[in-house]
Amino acid sequence: MPTYDYECLECGHVFEQFQKMSDPPLTECPACGGSVRRLIGGGLGVIFKGSGFYVTDNKNSGKAALSSKDSGGNGSKESKGAESPKPADTKKEQPAAT
């Protein structure tokens, strides 16, 4: 249930009221009994839940991925192929006997 802000048009008293969205807006000030208007608020900001929303979330995982690539310890085919090329074929074709 949201909290609504109200302002009294007569005395200027500003207050909050916790009520359902389906409830009708208040019409009477609790301080002086004058008429009130509901204020338009900015509402609640966006709430980010989970990982990956902050700079610090990816900082360590990015460094770990880079260090494992540099050391060659991740076992990828790309790094193995560059480190140990295939040996050349040393057999030569013999001429065919006629």
Protein backbone atom coordinates (compact mmCIF):
# COMPACT_ATOMS: atom_id res chain seq x y z
CA MET A 1 0.00 0.00 0.00
CA PRO A 2 1.40 3.40 -0.92
CA THR A 3 1.90 6.44 1.25
CA TYR A 4 0.28 9.61 -0.08
CA ASP A 5 1.32 13.17 0.73
CA TYR A 6 -1.37 15.76 1.44
CA GLU A 7 -1.22 19.52 1.95
CA CYS A 8 -3.84 21.64 3.68
CA LEU A 9 -5.01 24.55 1.54
CA GLU A 10 -5.85 26.68 4.58
CA CYS A 11 -3.09 26.17 7.16
CA GLY A 12 -0.35 24.71 4.91
CA HIS A 13 0.07 21.59 7.05
CA VAL A 14 1.77 18.79 5.06
CA PHE A 15 1.22 15.19 6.15
CA GLU A 16 1.41 11.64 4.86
CA GLN A 17 -1.35 9.07 4.83
CA PHE A 18 -0.86 5.33 4.33
CA GLN A 19 -3.85 4.08 2.32
CA LYS A 20 -4.90 1.67 -0.42
CA MET A 21 -4.83 2.75 -4.04
CA SER A 22 -8.56 2.12 -4.22
CA ASP A 23 -9.32 4.37 -1.21
CA PRO A 24 -10.75 7.81 -2.03
CA PRO A 25 -8.44 10.78 -1.39
CA LEU A 26 -8.72 12.54 1.97
CA THR A 27 -10.65 15.80 2.05
CA GLU A 28 -10.08 17.09 5.59
CA CYS A 29 -6.93 18.32 7.32
CA PRO A 30 -6.24 16.55 10.64
CA ALA A 31 -4.72 19.74 12.11
CA CYS A 32 -7.36 22.39 11.33
CA GLY A 33 -10.20 20.58 9.56
CA GLY A 34 -9.67 22.56 6.33
CA SER A 35 -9.70 21.12 2.83
CA VAL A 36 -6.63 19.27 1.55
CA ARG A 37 -5.18 18.31 -1.78
CA ARG A 38 -3.15 15.24 -2.59
CA LEU A 39 0.38 16.05 -3.72
CA ILE A 40 2.06 14.36 -6.64
CA GLY A 41 5.22 12.77 -5.33
CA GLY A 42 8.27 11.48 -7.07
CA GLY A 43 7.47 8.06 -5.75
CA LEU A 44 10.01 5.50 -4.86
CA GLY A 45 13.22 5.29 -6.84
CA VAL A 46 14.17 2.26 -8.87
CA ILE A 47 15.34 -0.64 -6.75
CA PHE A 48 18.11 -2.73 -8.27
CA LYS A 49 18.23 -6.26 -6.89
CA GLY A 50 20.81 -8.86 -7.69
CA SER A 51 24.36 -8.54 -8.93
CA GLY A 52 25.74 -6.61 -11.86
CA PHE A 53 24.19 -3.21 -11.17
CA TYR A 54 27.14 -1.58 -9.47
CA VAL A 55 30.69 -0.89 -10.62
CA THR A 56 32.10 -3.01 -7.81
CA ASP A 57 30.05 -6.08 -8.79
CA ASN A 58 31.98 -6.79 -11.97
CA LYS A 59 35.35 -5.41 -10.91
CA ASN A 60 36.81 -8.59 -9.38
CA SER A 61 35.23 -11.06 -11.78
CA GLY A 62 36.59 -9.10 -14.76
CA LYS A 63 40.13 -9.15 -13.36
CA ALA A 64 39.91 -12.86 -12.60
CA ALA A 65 38.84 -13.63 -16.17
CA LEU A 66 41.67 -11.52 -17.59
CA SER A 67 44.33 -13.05 -15.35
CA SER A 68 43.30 -16.60 -16.25
CA LYS A 69 43.46 -15.74 -19.97
CA ASP A 70 46.92 -14.20 -19.62
CA SER A 71 48.33 -17.15 -17.69
CA GLY A 72 46.93 -19.70 -20.13
CA GLY A 73 45.42 -21.65 -17.25
CA ASN A 74 41.85 -21.63 -18.50
CA GLY A 75 42.37 -24.57 -20.86
CA SER A 76 40.93 -22.93 -23.94
CA LYS A 77 41.71 -24.35 -27.36
CA GLU A 78 42.80 -20.95 -28.58
CA SER A 79 45.67 -20.62 -26.12
CA LYS A 80 46.79 -24.26 -26.52
CA GLY A 81 46.88 -23.99 -30.30
CA ALA A 82 49.11 -20.93 -30.16
CA GLU A 83 51.54 -22.48 -27.65
CA SER A 84 52.06 -25.89 -29.27
CA PRO A 85 51.86 -25.94 -33.07
CA LYS A 86 51.31 -29.27 -34.83
CA PRO A 87 54.49 -30.97 -36.00
CA ALA A 88 55.12 -30.88 -39.74
CA ASP A 89 54.70 -34.06 -41.77
CA THR A 90 58.21 -35.42 -42.33
CA LYS A 91 57.34 -38.23 -44.76
CA LYS A 92 58.22 -37.56 -48.37
CA GLU A 93 56.52 -39.19 -51.30
CA GLN A 94 58.56 -41.83 -52.99
CA PRO A 95 58.55 -41.79 -56.78
CA ALA A 96 56.41 -44.56 -58.23
CA ALA A 97 58.32 -47.46 -59.72
CA THR A 98 57.70 -48.08 -63.40
